[in-house]
Protein backbone atom coordinates (compact mmCIF):
# COMPACT_ATOMS: atom_id res chain seq x y z
CA MET A 1 -50.85 99.61 -74.24
CA TYR A 2 -49.48 100.26 -70.79
CA LYS A 3 -51.50 101.67 -67.91
CA VAL A 4 -49.82 103.64 -65.13
CA LYS A 5 -52.07 104.32 -62.15
CA LEU A 6 -51.89 107.54 -60.21
CA GLU A 7 -53.74 108.87 -57.20
CA ASN A 8 -56.33 110.78 -59.25
CA GLY A 9 -56.47 108.67 -62.41
CA TYR A 10 -54.14 106.90 -64.78
CA TYR A 11 -52.08 107.32 -67.93
CA LEU A 12 -52.40 105.11 -70.99
CA PHE A 13 -49.18 104.83 -72.98
CA LYS A 14 -50.18 103.88 -76.52
CA LEU A 15 -47.02 104.34 -78.60
CA GLN A 16 -46.33 100.63 -78.98
CA ASP A 17 -49.84 99.94 -80.30
CA LEU A 18 -49.65 102.95 -82.62
CA LEU A 19 -46.37 101.79 -84.16
CA LYS A 20 -47.69 98.25 -84.52
CA SER A 21 -50.88 99.42 -86.24
CA ARG A 22 -48.80 101.42 -88.72
CA HIS A 23 -46.30 98.59 -89.28
CA ILE A 24 -43.36 100.68 -88.07
CA SER A 25 -40.55 98.82 -86.31
CA ILE A 26 -38.89 100.30 -83.25
CA ASN A 27 -35.56 100.33 -85.12
CA ARG A 28 -37.04 102.28 -88.02
CA PHE A 29 -38.81 104.67 -85.65
CA MET A 30 -35.62 105.14 -83.66
CA LYS A 31 -33.59 106.00 -86.79
CA ASP A 32 -36.24 108.17 -88.46
CA THR A 33 -36.88 110.24 -85.32
CA ASP A 34 -33.24 110.27 -84.18
CA THR A 35 -34.31 109.08 -80.73
CA ASP A 36 -32.42 106.79 -78.38
CA PHE A 37 -33.87 103.28 -77.98
CA LYS A 38 -34.09 103.65 -74.19
CA VAL A 39 -36.14 106.85 -74.52
CA ILE A 40 -38.62 105.15 -76.86
CA LYS A 41 -38.96 102.13 -74.56
CA ARG A 42 -39.57 104.37 -71.51
CA ILE A 43 -42.32 106.25 -73.32
CA MET A 44 -43.85 102.99 -74.54
CA LYS A 45 -43.99 101.50 -71.04
CA GLY A 46 -44.69 104.67 -69.06
CA ASP A 47 -41.45 104.21 -67.17
CA LEU A 48 -40.70 107.91 -66.81
CA VAL A 49 -41.04 110.76 -64.37
CA ARG A 50 -41.25 113.70 -66.78
CA PHE A 51 -42.53 114.15 -70.30
CA ASP A 52 -40.03 115.55 -72.79
CA ILE A 53 -42.23 117.79 -74.93
CA LEU A 54 -39.61 118.09 -77.67
CA VAL A 55 -39.40 114.30 -78.09
CA LEU A 56 -43.18 113.94 -77.99
CA ALA A 57 -43.57 116.71 -80.58
CA ARG A 58 -41.08 114.90 -82.83
CA PHE A 59 -43.10 111.68 -82.45
CA CYS A 60 -46.37 113.46 -83.25
CA ASP A 61 -44.85 115.09 -86.34
CA TYR A 62 -43.43 111.80 -87.58
CA LEU A 63 -46.62 109.83 -86.94
CA ASN A 64 -48.92 112.67 -88.01
CA CYS A 65 -50.95 112.30 -84.83
CA THR A 66 -51.82 114.16 -81.65
CA LEU A 67 -50.29 113.75 -78.22
CA ASN A 68 -53.47 112.01 -77.08
CA ASP A 69 -52.76 109.25 -79.63
CA ILE A 70 -49.49 108.53 -77.81
CA ILE A 71 -50.28 109.30 -74.16
CA GLU A 72 -53.72 109.71 -72.65
CA TYR A 73 -54.61 110.80 -69.13
CA VAL A 74 -57.86 109.40 -67.72
CA PRO A 75 -59.07 110.97 -64.45
CA ASN A 76 -60.94 108.96 -61.84
CA ASN A 77 -64.68 109.48 -61.85
CA LYS A 78 -65.77 110.81 -58.48
C-alpha cells in the first residue's frame, strides 16, 4: 500500500495489495486487462497526476471490486 499525502488529506493506493491477496501477478493482470505495465505501476505507487476513469473501471470490472478497494481518499480530521 502506498500513501500519497496532500494538503487536505492523503490517498491510499491499494492495487498492489489487492492483486497480491488474490494471487494475481502483474503480468497476468497486464495481459487480462490490456493495460500497459507503466500505467499499472503508476496506479500502484500513486505516481500520477490524473485518474483515468476508463482504466480504473476496467480494473474494478476485472477484480469485481469498487474503486475504494483500489484507491481511497482519507481527509484530514480538523
